[in-house]
Amino acid sequence: TQAAPTLIATTAAATTRPAMTHTIVRGGLKYARHTQEYIARRTAE
């Protein structure tokens, strides 16, 4: 928290460390339009 306060703010919604990126990505899969567009493009590829 002292060394990287913005990191803590960025990951505040995530759960445990191993699941952090997974949680963020899964949230993006559901709610972020740009993530859904990326998935559609990569799936088409």
PDB file of all heavy atoms in Angstrom:
ATOM      1  N   THR A   1       0.832  -1.203   0.000  1.00  0.00           N
ATOM      2  CA  THR A   1       0.000   0.000   0.000  1.00  0.00           C
ATOM      3  C   THR A   1       0.867   1.254   0.000  1.00  0.00           C
ATOM      4  O   THR A   1       0.576   2.221  -0.710  1.00  0.00           O
ATOM      5  CB  THR A   1      -0.927   0.007   1.238  1.00  0.00           C
ATOM      6  OG1 THR A   1      -1.724  -1.177   1.203  1.00  0.00           O
ATOM      7  CG2 THR A   1      -1.821   1.229   1.241  1.00  0.00           C
ATOM      8  N   GLN A   2       1.948   1.230   0.753  1.00  0.00           N
ATOM      9  CA  GLN A   2       2.845   2.381   0.809  1.00  0.00           C
ATOM     10  C   GLN A   2       3.615   2.532  -0.505  1.00  0.00           C
ATOM     11  O   GLN A   2       3.761   3.639  -1.022  1.00  0.00           O
ATOM     12  CB  GLN A   2       3.834   2.193   1.956  1.00  0.00           C
ATOM     13  CG  GLN A   2       4.857   3.302   2.077  1.00  0.00           C
ATOM     14  CD  GLN A   2       5.886   2.985   3.160  1.00  0.00           C
ATOM     15  OE1 GLN A   2       5.804   1.963   3.830  1.00  0.00           O
ATOM     16  NE2 GLN A   2       6.850   3.859   3.316  1.00  0.00           N
ATOM     17  N   ALA A   3       4.081   1.435  -1.065  1.00  0.00           N
ATOM     18  CA  ALA A   3       4.918   1.498  -2.258  1.00  0.00           C
ATOM     19  C   ALA A   3       4.118   1.736  -3.541  1.00  0.00           C
ATOM     20  O   ALA A   3       4.611   2.384  -4.456  1.00  0.00           O
ATOM     21  CB  ALA A   3       5.728   0.207  -2.397  1.00  0.00           C
ATOM     22  N   ALA A   4       2.899   1.208  -3.619  1.00  0.00           N
ATOM     23  CA  ALA A   4       2.125   1.296  -4.860  1.00  0.00           C
ATOM     24  C   ALA A   4       0.641   1.486  -4.574  1.00  0.00           C
ATOM     25  O   ALA A   4      -0.162   0.596  -4.815  1.00  0.00           O
ATOM     26  CB  ALA A   4       2.359   0.045  -5.688  1.00  0.00           C
ATOM     27  N   PRO A   5       0.241   2.662  -4.081  1.00  0.00           N
ATOM     28  CA  PRO A   5      -1.169   2.865  -3.742  1.00  0.00           C
ATOM     29  C   PRO A   5      -2.102   2.751  -4.944  1.00  0.00           C
ATOM     30  O   PRO A   5      -3.230   2.292  -4.811  1.00  0.00           O
ATOM     31  CB  PRO A   5      -1.201   4.271  -3.133  1.00  0.00           C
ATOM     32  CG  PRO A   5       0.076   4.907  -3.520  1.00  0.00           C
ATOM     33  CD  PRO A   5       1.060   3.809  -3.782  1.00  0.00           C
ATOM     34  N   THR A   6      -1.638   3.133  -6.143  1.00  0.00           N
ATOM     35  CA  THR A   6      -2.519   3.026  -7.310  1.00  0.00           C
ATOM     36  C   THR A   6      -2.743   1.576  -7.693  1.00  0.00           C
ATOM     37  O   THR A   6      -3.784   1.235  -8.240  1.00  0.00           O
ATOM     38  CB  THR A   6      -1.950   3.792  -8.522  1.00  0.00           C
ATOM     39  OG1 THR A   6      -0.651   3.286  -8.823  1.00  0.00           O
ATOM     40  CG2 THR A   6      -1.899   5.274  -8.259  1.00  0.00           C
ATOM     41  N   LEU A   7      -1.783   0.711  -7.392  1.00  0.00           N
ATOM     42  CA  LEU A   7      -1.971  -0.712  -7.653  1.00  0.00           C
ATOM     43  C   LEU A   7      -3.102  -1.257  -6.797  1.00  0.00           C
ATOM     44  O   LEU A   7      -3.954  -1.995  -7.275  1.00  0.00           O
ATOM     45  CB  LEU A   7      -0.685  -1.479  -7.371  1.00  0.00           C
ATOM     46  CG  LEU A   7      -0.792  -3.002  -7.477  1.00  0.00           C
ATOM     47  CD1 LEU A   7      -1.086  -3.417  -8.904  1.00  0.00           C
ATOM     48  CD2 LEU A   7       0.478  -3.644  -6.982  1.00  0.00           C
ATOM     49  N   ILE A   8      -3.130  -0.863  -5.541  1.00  0.00           N
ATOM     50  CA  ILE A   8      -4.181  -1.321  -4.635  1.00  0.00           C
ATOM     51  C   ILE A   8      -5.543  -0.841  -5.136  1.00  0.00           C
ATOM     52  O   ILE A   8      -6.504  -1.595  -5.153  1.00  0.00           O
ATOM     53  CB  ILE A   8      -3.928  -0.817  -3.192  1.00  0.00           C
ATOM     54  CG1 ILE A   8      -2.584  -1.333  -2.673  1.00  0.00           C
ATOM     55  CG2 ILE A   8      -5.060  -1.217  -2.261  1.00  0.00           C
ATOM     56  CD1 ILE A   8      -2.441  -2.839  -2.686  1.00  0.00           C
ATOM     57  N   ALA A   9      -5.611   0.397  -5.583  1.00  0.00           N
ATOM     58  CA  ALA A   9      -6.872   0.927  -6.103  1.00  0.00           C
ATOM     59  C   ALA A   9      -7.301   0.176  -7.359  1.00  0.00           C
ATOM     60  O   ALA A   9      -8.482  -0.096  -7.559  1.00  0.00           O
ATOM     61  CB  ALA A   9      -6.730   2.414  -6.403  1.00  0.00           C
ATOM     62  N   THR A  10      -6.351  -0.183  -8.196  1.00  0.00           N
ATOM     63  CA  THR A  10      -6.653  -0.887  -9.442  1.00  0.00           C
ATOM     64  C   THR A  10      -7.213  -2.269  -9.175  1.00  0.00           C
ATOM     65  O   THR A  10      -8.097  -2.740  -9.870  1.00  0.00           O
ATOM     66  CB  THR A  10      -5.373  -1.025 -10.304  1.00  0.00           C
ATOM     67  OG1 THR A  10      -4.861   0.274 -10.546  1.00  0.00           O
ATOM     68  CG2 THR A  10      -5.660  -1.703 -11.620  1.00  0.00           C
ATOM     69  N   THR A  11      -6.701  -2.929  -8.161  1.00  0.00           N
ATOM     70  CA  THR A  11      -7.088  -4.318  -7.907  1.00  0.00           C
ATOM     71  C   THR A  11      -8.078  -4.456  -6.761  1.00  0.00           C
ATOM     72  O   THR A  11      -8.331  -5.571  -6.315  1.00  0.00           O
ATOM     73  CB  THR A  11      -5.834  -5.160  -7.599  1.00  0.00           C
ATOM     74  OG1 THR A  11      -5.189  -4.623  -6.456  1.00  0.00           O
ATOM     75  CG2 THR A  11      -4.891  -5.189  -8.780  1.00  0.00           C
ATOM     76  N   ALA A  12      -8.647  -3.374  -6.311  1.00  0.00           N
ATOM     77  CA  ALA A  12      -9.532  -3.427  -5.142  1.00  0.00           C
ATOM     78  C   ALA A  12     -10.728  -4.344  -5.359  1.00  0.00           C
ATOM     79  O   ALA A  12     -11.187  -4.997  -4.432  1.00  0.00           O
ATOM     80  CB  ALA A  12     -10.011  -2.026  -4.783  1.00  0.00           C
ATOM     81  N   ALA A  13     -11.209  -4.439  -6.590  1.00  0.00           N
ATOM     82  CA  ALA A  13     -12.386  -5.266  -6.854  1.00  0.00           C
ATOM     83  C   ALA A  13     -12.038  -6.741  -7.026  1.00  0.00           C
ATOM     84  O   ALA A  13     -12.918  -7.592  -7.023  1.00  0.00           O
ATOM     85  CB  ALA A  13     -13.089  -4.769  -8.113  1.00  0.00           C
ATOM     86  N   ALA A  14     -10.783  -7.038  -7.176  1.00  0.00           N
ATOM     87  CA  ALA A  14     -10.371  -8.428  -7.396  1.00  0.00           C
ATOM     88  C   ALA A  14     -10.326  -9.177  -6.072  1.00  0.00           C
ATOM     89  O   ALA A  14     -10.315  -8.598  -5.006  1.00  0.00           O
ATOM     90  CB  ALA A  14      -9.009  -8.459  -8.067  1.00  0.00           C
ATOM     91  N   THR A  15     -10.271 -10.493  -6.161  1.00  0.00           N
ATOM     92  CA  THR A  15     -10.238 -11.333  -4.947  1.00  0.00           C
ATOM     93  C   THR A  15      -8.795 -11.690  -4.609  1.00  0.00           C
ATOM     94  O   THR A  15      -7.939 -10.844  -4.635  1.00  0.00           O
ATOM     95  CB  THR A  15     -11.118 -12.586  -5.162  1.00  0.00           C
ATOM     96  OG1 THR A  15     -10.630 -13.274  -6.318  1.00  0.00           O
ATOM     97  CG2 THR A  15     -12.569 -12.217  -5.403  1.00  0.00           C
ATOM     98  N   THR A  16      -8.508 -12.923  -4.336  1.00  0.00           N
ATOM     99  CA  THR A  16      -7.158 -13.318  -3.934  1.00  0.00           C
ATOM    100  C   THR A  16      -6.180 -13.145  -5.079  1.00  0.00           C
ATOM    101  O   THR A  16      -6.562 -13.104  -6.236  1.00  0.00           O
ATOM    102  CB  THR A  16      -7.133 -14.778  -3.466  1.00  0.00           C
ATOM    103  OG1 THR A  16      -7.551 -15.604  -4.554  1.00  0.00           O
ATOM    104  CG2 THR A  16      -8.026 -14.986  -2.267  1.00  0.00           C
ATOM    105  N   ARG A  17      -4.907 -13.096  -4.774  1.00  0.00           N
ATOM    106  CA  ARG A  17      -3.882 -12.851  -5.792  1.00  0.00           C
ATOM    107  C   ARG A  17      -3.939 -13.816  -6.962  1.00  0.00           C
ATOM    108  O   ARG A  17      -3.890 -13.384  -8.103  1.00  0.00           O
ATOM    109  CB  ARG A  17      -2.501 -12.869  -5.155  1.00  0.00           C
ATOM    110  CG  ARG A  17      -2.237 -11.637  -4.352  1.00  0.00           C
ATOM    111  CD  ARG A  17      -1.000 -11.822  -3.551  1.00  0.00           C
ATOM    112  NE  ARG A  17      -1.267 -12.914  -2.628  1.00  0.00           N
ATOM    113  CZ  ARG A  17      -0.392 -13.487  -1.848  1.00  0.00           C
ATOM    114  NH1 ARG A  17       0.822 -13.088  -1.856  1.00  0.00           N
ATOM    115  NH2 ARG A  17      -0.713 -14.458  -1.047  1.00  0.00           N
ATOM    116  N   PRO A  18      -4.021 -15.118  -6.744  1.00  0.00           N
ATOM    117  CA  PRO A  18      -4.049 -16.009  -7.902  1.00  0.00           C
ATOM    118  C   PRO A  18      -5.261 -15.791  -8.796  1.00  0.00           C
ATOM    119  O   PRO A  18      -5.201 -16.023  -9.992  1.00  0.00           O
ATOM    120  CB  PRO A  18      -4.090 -17.409  -7.293  1.00  0.00           C
ATOM    121  CG  PRO A  18      -3.558 -17.252  -5.927  1.00  0.00           C
ATOM    122  CD  PRO A  18      -3.936 -15.862  -5.490  1.00  0.00           C
ATOM    123  N   ALA A  19      -6.349 -15.329  -8.219  1.00  0.00           N
ATOM    124  CA  ALA A  19      -7.575 -15.148  -8.993  1.00  0.00           C
ATOM    125  C   ALA A  19      -7.753 -13.724  -9.497  1.00  0.00           C
ATOM    126  O   ALA A  19      -8.734 -13.433 -10.172  1.00  0.00           O
ATOM    127  CB  ALA A  19      -8.768 -15.545  -8.137  1.00  0.00           C
ATOM    128  N   MET A  20      -6.825 -12.844  -9.150  1.00  0.00           N
ATOM    129  CA  MET A  20      -6.987 -11.427  -9.474  1.00  0.00           C
ATOM    130  C   MET A  20      -7.180 -11.187 -10.968  1.00  0.00           C
ATOM    131  O   MET A  20      -8.187 -10.613 -11.375  1.00  0.00           O
ATOM    132  CB  MET A  20      -5.782 -10.641  -8.973  1.00  0.00           C
ATOM    133  CG  MET A  20      -5.854  -9.168  -9.247  1.00  0.00           C
ATOM    134  SD  MET A  20      -4.454  -8.287  -8.554  1.00  0.00           S
ATOM    135  CE  MET A  20      -3.096  -9.018  -9.413  1.00  0.00           C
ATOM    136  N   THR A  21      -6.240 -11.607 -11.798  1.00  0.00           N
ATOM    137  CA  THR A  21      -6.374 -11.348 -13.234  1.00  0.00           C
ATOM    138  C   THR A  21      -7.567 -12.102 -13.800  1.00  0.00           C
ATOM    139  O   THR A  21      -8.259 -11.587 -14.676  1.00  0.00           O
ATOM    140  CB  THR A  21      -5.089 -11.720 -14.000  1.00  0.00           C
ATOM    141  OG1 THR A  21      -4.769 -13.074 -13.746  1.00  0.00           O
ATOM    142  CG2 THR A  21      -3.943 -10.811 -13.628  1.00  0.00           C
ATOM    143  N   HIS A  22      -7.810 -13.297 -13.294  1.00  0.00           N
ATOM    144  CA  HIS A  22      -8.958 -14.064 -13.770  1.00  0.00           C
ATOM    145  C   HIS A  22     -10.264 -13.310 -13.503  1.00  0.00           C
ATOM    146  O   HIS A  22     -11.124 -13.214 -14.376  1.00  0.00           O
ATOM    147  CB  HIS A  22      -8.977 -15.435 -13.085  1.00  0.00           C
ATOM    148  CG  HIS A  22     -10.116 -16.300 -13.518  1.00  0.00           C
ATOM    149  ND1 HIS A  22     -10.117 -16.970 -14.715  1.00  0.00           N
ATOM    150  CD2 HIS A  22     -11.298 -16.575 -12.926  1.00  0.00           C
ATOM    151  CE1 HIS A  22     -11.256 -17.633 -14.834  1.00  0.00           C
ATOM    152  NE2 HIS A  22     -11.984 -17.414 -13.758  1.00  0.00           N
ATOM    153  N   THR A  23     -10.398 -12.760 -12.313  1.00  0.00           N
ATOM    154  CA  THR A  23     -11.604 -12.018 -11.954  1.00  0.00           C
ATOM    155  C   THR A  23     -11.776 -10.781 -12.827  1.00  0.00           C
ATOM    156  O   THR A  23     -12.871 -10.496 -13.316  1.00  0.00           O
ATOM    157  CB  THR A  23     -11.540 -11.592 -10.473  1.00  0.00           C
ATOM    158  OG1 THR A  23     -11.392 -12.762  -9.667  1.00  0.00           O
ATOM    159  CG2 THR A  23     -12.783 -10.830 -10.060  1.00  0.00           C
ATOM    160  N   ILE A  24     -10.700 -10.069 -13.046  1.00  0.00           N
ATOM    161  CA  ILE A  24     -10.761  -8.861 -13.873  1.00  0.00           C
ATOM    162  C   ILE A  24     -11.151  -9.221 -15.296  1.00  0.00           C
ATOM    163  O   ILE A  24     -12.014  -8.583 -15.906  1.00  0.00           O
ATOM    164  CB  ILE A  24      -9.419  -8.107 -13.831  1.00  0.00           C
ATOM    165  CG1 ILE A  24      -9.180  -7.552 -12.429  1.00  0.00           C
ATOM    166  CG2 ILE A  24      -9.391  -6.984 -14.864  1.00  0.00           C
ATOM    167  CD1 ILE A  24      -7.778  -7.023 -12.198  1.00  0.00           C
ATOM    168  N   VAL A  25     -10.532 -10.268 -15.849  1.00  0.00           N
ATOM    169  CA  VAL A  25     -10.825 -10.674 -17.230  1.00  0.00           C
ATOM    170  C   VAL A  25     -12.258 -11.163 -17.350  1.00  0.00           C
ATOM    171  O   VAL A  25     -12.971 -10.787 -18.285  1.00  0.00           O
ATOM    172  CB  VAL A  25      -9.824 -11.751 -17.713  1.00  0.00           C
ATOM    173  CG1 VAL A  25     -10.291 -12.408 -19.002  1.00  0.00           C
ATOM    174  CG2 VAL A  25      -8.455 -11.125 -17.917  1.00  0.00           C
ATOM    175  N   ARG A  26     -12.697 -11.983 -16.421  1.00  0.00           N
ATOM    176  CA  ARG A  26     -14.079 -12.484 -16.496  1.00  0.00           C
ATOM    177  C   ARG A  26     -15.095 -11.344 -16.404  1.00  0.00           C
ATOM    178  O   ARG A  26     -16.132 -11.379 -17.065  1.00  0.00           O
ATOM    179  CB  ARG A  26     -14.342 -13.533 -15.413  1.00  0.00           C
ATOM    180  CG  ARG A  26     -13.661 -14.844 -15.701  1.00  0.00           C
ATOM    181  CD  ARG A  26     -14.206 -15.450 -16.971  1.00  0.00           C
ATOM    182  NE  ARG A  26     -13.402 -16.597 -17.349  1.00  0.00           N
ATOM    183  CZ  ARG A  26     -13.527 -17.246 -18.478  1.00  0.00           C
ATOM    184  NH1 ARG A  26     -14.409 -16.868 -19.360  1.00  0.00           N
ATOM    185  NH2 ARG A  26     -12.766 -18.260 -18.754  1.00  0.00           N
ATOM    186  N   GLY A  27     -14.797 -10.340 -15.603  1.00  0.00           N
ATOM    187  CA  GLY A  27     -15.673  -9.167 -15.550  1.00  0.00           C
ATOM    188  C   GLY A  27     -15.700  -8.450 -16.886  1.00  0.00           C
ATOM    189  O   GLY A  27     -16.757  -8.009 -17.361  1.00  0.00           O
ATOM    190  N   GLY A  28     -14.550  -8.349 -17.521  1.00  0.00           N
ATOM    191  CA  GLY A  28     -14.470  -7.720 -18.841  1.00  0.00           C
ATOM    192  C   GLY A  28     -15.226  -8.503 -19.897  1.00  0.00           C
ATOM    193  O   GLY A  28     -15.831  -7.931 -20.801  1.00  0.00           O
ATOM    194  N   LEU A  29     -15.199  -9.831 -19.780  1.00  0.00           N
ATOM    195  CA  LEU A  29     -15.916 -10.666 -20.739  1.00  0.00           C
ATOM    196  C   LEU A  29     -17.409 -10.370 -20.703  1.00  0.00           C
ATOM    197  O   LEU A  29     -18.090 -10.394 -21.727  1.00  0.00           O
ATOM    198  CB  LEU A  29     -15.691 -12.152 -20.444  1.00  0.00           C
ATOM    199  CG  LEU A  29     -14.276 -12.688 -20.608  1.00  0.00           C
ATOM    200  CD1 LEU A  29     -14.201 -14.136 -20.143  1.00  0.00           C
ATOM    201  CD2 LEU A  29     -13.813 -12.583 -22.040  1.00  0.00           C
ATOM    202  N   LYS A  30     -17.905 -10.084 -19.510  1.00  0.00           N
ATOM    203  CA  LYS A  30     -19.341  -9.832 -19.359  1.00  0.00           C
ATOM    204  C   LYS A  30     -19.740  -8.396 -19.692  1.00  0.00           C
ATOM    205  O   LYS A  30     -20.771  -8.156 -20.305  1.00  0.00           O
ATOM    206  CB  LYS A  30     -19.774 -10.117 -17.920  1.00  0.00           C
ATOM    207  CG  LYS A  30     -20.072 -11.530 -17.620  1.00  0.00           C
ATOM    208  CD  LYS A  30     -20.641 -11.616 -16.207  1.00  0.00           C
ATOM    209  CE  LYS A  30     -21.074 -13.007 -15.900  1.00  0.00           C
ATOM    210  NZ  LYS A  30     -21.575 -13.162 -14.553  1.00  0.00           N
ATOM    211  N   TYR A  31     -18.929  -7.436 -19.237  1.00  0.00           N
ATOM    212  CA  TYR A  31     -19.405  -6.062 -19.222  1.00  0.00           C
ATOM    213  C   TYR A  31     -18.659  -5.081 -20.119  1.00  0.00           C
ATOM    214  O   TYR A  31     -19.206  -4.034 -20.445  1.00  0.00           O
ATOM    215  CB  TYR A  31     -19.363  -5.523 -17.781  1.00  0.00           C
ATOM    216  CG  TYR A  31     -20.157  -6.377 -16.827  1.00  0.00           C
ATOM    217  CD1 TYR A  31     -19.527  -7.156 -15.876  1.00  0.00           C
ATOM    218  CD2 TYR A  31     -21.547  -6.416 -16.901  1.00  0.00           C
ATOM    219  CE1 TYR A  31     -20.253  -7.951 -15.000  1.00  0.00           C
ATOM    220  CE2 TYR A  31     -22.285  -7.207 -16.035  1.00  0.00           C
ATOM    221  CZ  TYR A  31     -21.632  -7.972 -15.088  1.00  0.00           C
ATOM    222  OH  TYR A  31     -22.368  -8.756 -14.236  1.00  0.00           O
ATOM    223  N   ALA A  32     -17.439  -5.356 -20.513  1.00  0.00           N
ATOM    224  CA  ALA A  32     -16.663  -4.381 -21.274  1.00  0.00           C
ATOM    225  C   ALA A  32     -16.823  -4.610 -22.774  1.00  0.00           C
ATOM    226  O   ALA A  32     -16.472  -5.666 -23.302  1.00  0.00           O
ATOM    227  CB  ALA A  32     -15.192  -4.457 -20.877  1.00  0.00           C
ATOM    228  N   ARG A  33     -17.354  -3.593 -23.444  1.00  0.00           N
ATOM    229  CA  ARG A  33     -17.604  -3.701 -24.884  1.00  0.00           C
ATOM    230  C   ARG A  33     -16.318  -3.937 -25.654  1.00  0.00           C
ATOM    231  O   ARG A  33     -16.254  -4.793 -26.536  1.00  0.00           O
ATOM    232  CB  ARG A  33     -18.307  -2.437 -25.389  1.00  0.00           C
ATOM    233  CG  ARG A  33     -18.693  -2.498 -26.863  1.00  0.00           C
ATOM    234  CD  ARG A  33     -19.347  -1.208 -27.346  1.00  0.00           C
ATOM    235  NE  ARG A  33     -18.666   0.005 -26.933  1.00  0.00           N
ATOM    236  CZ  ARG A  33     -17.552   0.483 -27.501  1.00  0.00           C
ATOM    237  NH1 ARG A  33     -16.995  -0.150 -28.482  1.00  0.00           N
ATOM    238  NH2 ARG A  33     -17.001   1.598 -27.064  1.00  0.00           N
ATOM    239  N   HIS A  34     -15.242  -3.201 -25.317  1.00  0.00           N
ATOM    240  CA  HIS A  34     -13.987  -3.363 -26.059  1.00  0.00           C
ATOM    241  C   HIS A  34     -13.399  -4.762 -25.874  1.00  0.00           C
ATOM    242  O   HIS A  34     -12.806  -5.315 -26.793  1.00  0.00           O
ATOM    243  CB  HIS A  34     -12.977  -2.274 -25.675  1.00  0.00           C
ATOM    244  CG  HIS A  34     -12.551  -2.316 -24.243  1.00  0.00           C
ATOM    245  ND1 HIS A  34     -13.313  -1.766 -23.241  1.00  0.00           N
ATOM    246  CD2 HIS A  34     -11.466  -2.858 -23.658  1.00  0.00           C
ATOM    247  CE1 HIS A  34     -12.699  -1.962 -22.081  1.00  0.00           C
ATOM    248  NE2 HIS A  34     -11.574  -2.624 -22.304  1.00  0.00           N
ATOM    249  N   THR A  35     -13.621  -5.368 -24.704  1.00  0.00           N
ATOM    250  CA  THR A  35     -13.147  -6.736 -24.475  1.00  0.00           C
ATOM    251  C   THR A  35     -13.963  -7.717 -25.316  1.00  0.00           C
ATOM    252  O   THR A  35     -13.405  -8.632 -25.933  1.00  0.00           O
ATOM    253  CB  THR A  35     -13.246  -7.115 -22.983  1.00  0.00           C
ATOM    254  OG1 THR A  35     -12.496  -6.175 -22.223  1.00  0.00           O
ATOM    255  CG2 THR A  35     -12.726  -8.518 -22.719  1.00  0.00           C
ATOM    256  N   GLN A  36     -15.246  -7.509 -25.379  1.00  0.00           N
ATOM    257  CA  GLN A  36     -16.105  -8.377 -26.182  1.00  0.00           C
ATOM    258  C   GLN A  36     -15.756  -8.268 -27.667  1.00  0.00           C
ATOM    259  O   GLN A  36     -15.749  -9.269 -28.386  1.00  0.00           O
ATOM    260  CB  GLN A  36     -17.570  -8.030 -25.938  1.00  0.00           C
ATOM    261  CG  GLN A  36     -18.013  -8.376 -24.530  1.00  0.00           C
ATOM    262  CD  GLN A  36     -19.344  -7.753 -24.155  1.00  0.00           C
ATOM    263  OE1 GLN A  36     -19.900  -6.948 -24.895  1.00  0.00           O
ATOM    264  NE2 GLN A  36     -19.856  -8.135 -22.996  1.00  0.00           N
ATOM    265  N   GLU A  37     -15.432  -7.057 -28.121  1.00  0.00           N
ATOM    266  CA  GLU A  37     -15.020  -6.869 -29.513  1.00  0.00           C
ATOM    267  C   GLU A  37     -13.697  -7.581 -29.786  1.00  0.00           C
ATOM    268  O   GLU A  37     -13.515  -8.190 -30.842  1.00  0.00           O
ATOM    269  CB  GLU A  37     -14.908  -5.386 -29.840  1.00  0.00           C
ATOM    270  CG  GLU A  37     -16.241  -4.674 -29.870  1.00  0.00           C
ATOM    271  CD  GLU A  37     -16.107  -3.160 -29.926  1.00  0.00           C
ATOM    272  OE1 GLU A  37     -14.958  -2.644 -29.894  1.00  0.00           O
ATOM    273  OE2 GLU A  37     -17.147  -2.489 -30.006  1.00  0.00           O
ATOM    274  N   TYR A  38     -12.773  -7.502 -28.830  1.00  0.00           N
ATOM    275  CA  TYR A  38     -11.487  -8.182 -28.962  1.00  0.00           C
ATOM    276  C   TYR A  38     -11.699  -9.690 -29.078  1.00  0.00           C
ATOM    277  O   TYR A  38     -11.112 -10.353 -29.926  1.00  0.00           O
ATOM    278  CB  TYR A  38     -10.599  -7.853 -27.755  1.00  0.00           C
ATOM    279  CG  TYR A  38      -9.302  -8.612 -27.721  1.00  0.00           C
ATOM    280  CD1 TYR A  38      -8.218  -8.188 -28.483  1.00  0.00           C
ATOM    281  CD2 TYR A  38      -9.159  -9.757 -26.946  1.00  0.00           C
ATOM    282  CE1 TYR A  38      -7.019  -8.890 -28.466  1.00  0.00           C
ATOM    283  CE2 TYR A  38      -7.962 -10.458 -26.916  1.00  0.00           C
ATOM    284  CZ  TYR A  38      -6.903 -10.019 -27.676  1.00  0.00           C
ATOM    285  OH  TYR A  38      -5.720 -10.721 -27.672  1.00  0.00           O
ATOM    286  N   ILE A  39     -12.557 -10.233 -28.232  1.00  0.00           N
ATOM    287  CA  ILE A  39     -12.839 -11.671 -28.251  1.00  0.00           C
ATOM    288  C   ILE A  39     -13.451 -12.071 -29.585  1.00  0.00           C
ATOM    289  O   ILE A  39     -13.056 -13.087 -30.179  1.00  0.00           O
ATOM    290  CB  ILE A  39     -13.766 -12.062 -27.078  1.00  0.00           C
ATOM    291  CG1 ILE A  39     -13.020 -11.898 -25.761  1.00  0.00           C
ATOM    292  CG2 ILE A  39     -14.281 -13.484 -27.227  1.00  0.00           C
ATOM    293  CD1 ILE A  39     -13.903 -11.976 -24.549  1.00  0.00           C
ATOM    294  N   ALA A  40     -14.401 -11.282 -30.078  1.00  0.00           N
ATOM    295  CA  ALA A  40     -15.030 -11.590 -31.361  1.00  0.00           C
ATOM    296  C   ALA A  40     -13.991 -11.586 -32.485  1.00  0.00           C
ATOM    297  O   ALA A  40     -13.985 -12.474 -33.349  1.00  0.00           O
ATOM    298  CB  ALA A  40     -16.146 -10.593 -31.652  1.00  0.00           C
ATOM    299  N   ARG A  41     -13.104 -10.597 -32.473  1.00  0.00           N
ATOM    300  CA  ARG A  41     -12.072 -10.500 -33.511  1.00  0.00           C
ATOM    301  C   ARG A  41     -11.126 -11.694 -33.453  1.00  0.00           C
ATOM    302  O   ARG A  41     -10.827 -12.318 -34.472  1.00  0.00           O
ATOM    303  CB  ARG A  41     -11.309  -9.188 -33.361  1.00  0.00           C
ATOM    304  CG  ARG A  41     -10.342  -8.934 -34.519  1.00  0.00           C
ATOM    305  CD  ARG A  41      -9.637  -7.597 -34.410  1.00  0.00           C
ATOM    306  NE  ARG A  41      -8.575  -7.660 -33.411  1.00  0.00           N
ATOM    307  CZ  ARG A  41      -8.534  -6.974 -32.292  1.00  0.00           C
ATOM    308  NH1 ARG A  41      -9.511  -6.132 -31.981  1.00  0.00           N
ATOM    309  NH2 ARG A  41      -7.533  -7.092 -31.437  1.00  0.00           N
ATOM    310  N   ARG A  42     -10.667 -12.024 -32.243  1.00  0.00           N
ATOM    311  CA  ARG A  42      -9.721 -13.133 -32.105  1.00  0.00           C
ATOM    312  C   ARG A  42     -10.377 -14.486 -32.414  1.00  0.00           C
ATOM    313  O   ARG A  42      -9.741 -15.381 -32.961  1.00  0.00           O
ATOM    314  CB  ARG A  42      -9.118 -13.144 -30.702  1.00  0.00           C
ATOM    315  CG  ARG A  42      -8.317 -11.900 -30.350  1.00  0.00           C
ATOM    316  CD  ARG A  42      -7.176 -11.692 -31.295  1.00  0.00           C
ATOM    317  NE  ARG A  42      -6.123 -12.609 -30.963  1.00  0.00           N
ATOM    318  CZ  ARG A  42      -4.831 -12.409 -31.123  1.00  0.00           C
ATOM    319  NH1 ARG A  42      -4.419 -11.282 -31.652  1.00  0.00           N
ATOM    320  NH2 ARG A  42      -3.968 -13.312 -30.796  1.00  0.00           N
ATOM    321  N   THR A  43     -11.658 -14.629 -32.066  1.00  0.00           N
ATOM    322  CA  THR A  43     -12.380 -15.858 -32.381  1.00  0.00           C
ATOM    323  C   THR A  43     -12.508 -16.007 -33.893  1.00  0.00           C
ATOM    324  O   THR A  43     -12.329 -17.102 -34.434  1.00  0.00           O
ATOM    325  CB  THR A  43     -13.775 -15.856 -31.720  1.00  0.00           C
ATOM    326  OG1 THR A  43     -13.606 -15.723 -30.302  1.00  0.00           O
ATOM    327  CG2 THR A  43     -14.524 -17.144 -32.003  1.00  0.00           C
ATOM    328  N   ALA A  44     -12.805 -14.897 -34.578  1.00  0.00           N
ATOM    329  CA  ALA A  44     -12.892 -14.922 -36.037  1.00  0.00           C
ATOM    330  C   ALA A  44     -11.557 -15.292 -36.679  1.00  0.00           C
ATOM    331  O   ALA A  44     -11.518 -15.884 -37.760  1.00  0.00           O
ATOM    332  CB  ALA A  44     -13.366 -13.564 -36.556  1.00  0.00           C
ATOM    333  N   GLU A  45     -10.471 -14.968 -36.004  1.00  0.00           N
ATOM    334  CA  GLU A  45      -9.136 -15.326 -36.495  1.00  0.00           C
ATOM    335  C   GLU A  45      -8.805 -16.793 -36.220  1.00  0.00           C
ATOM    336  O   GLU A  45      -7.756 -17.275 -36.629  1.00  0.00           O
ATOM    337  CB  GLU A  45      -8.074 -14.442 -35.827  1.00  0.00           C
ATOM    338  CG  GLU A  45      -8.159 -12.987 -36.224  1.00  0.00           C
ATOM    339  CD  GLU A  45      -7.244 -12.099 -35.390  1.00  0.00           C
ATOM    340  OE1 GLU A  45      -6.535 -12.616 -34.483  1.00  0.00           O
ATOM    341  OE2 GLU A  45      -7.242 -10.889 -35.630  1.00  0.00           O
TER     342      GLU A  45
END
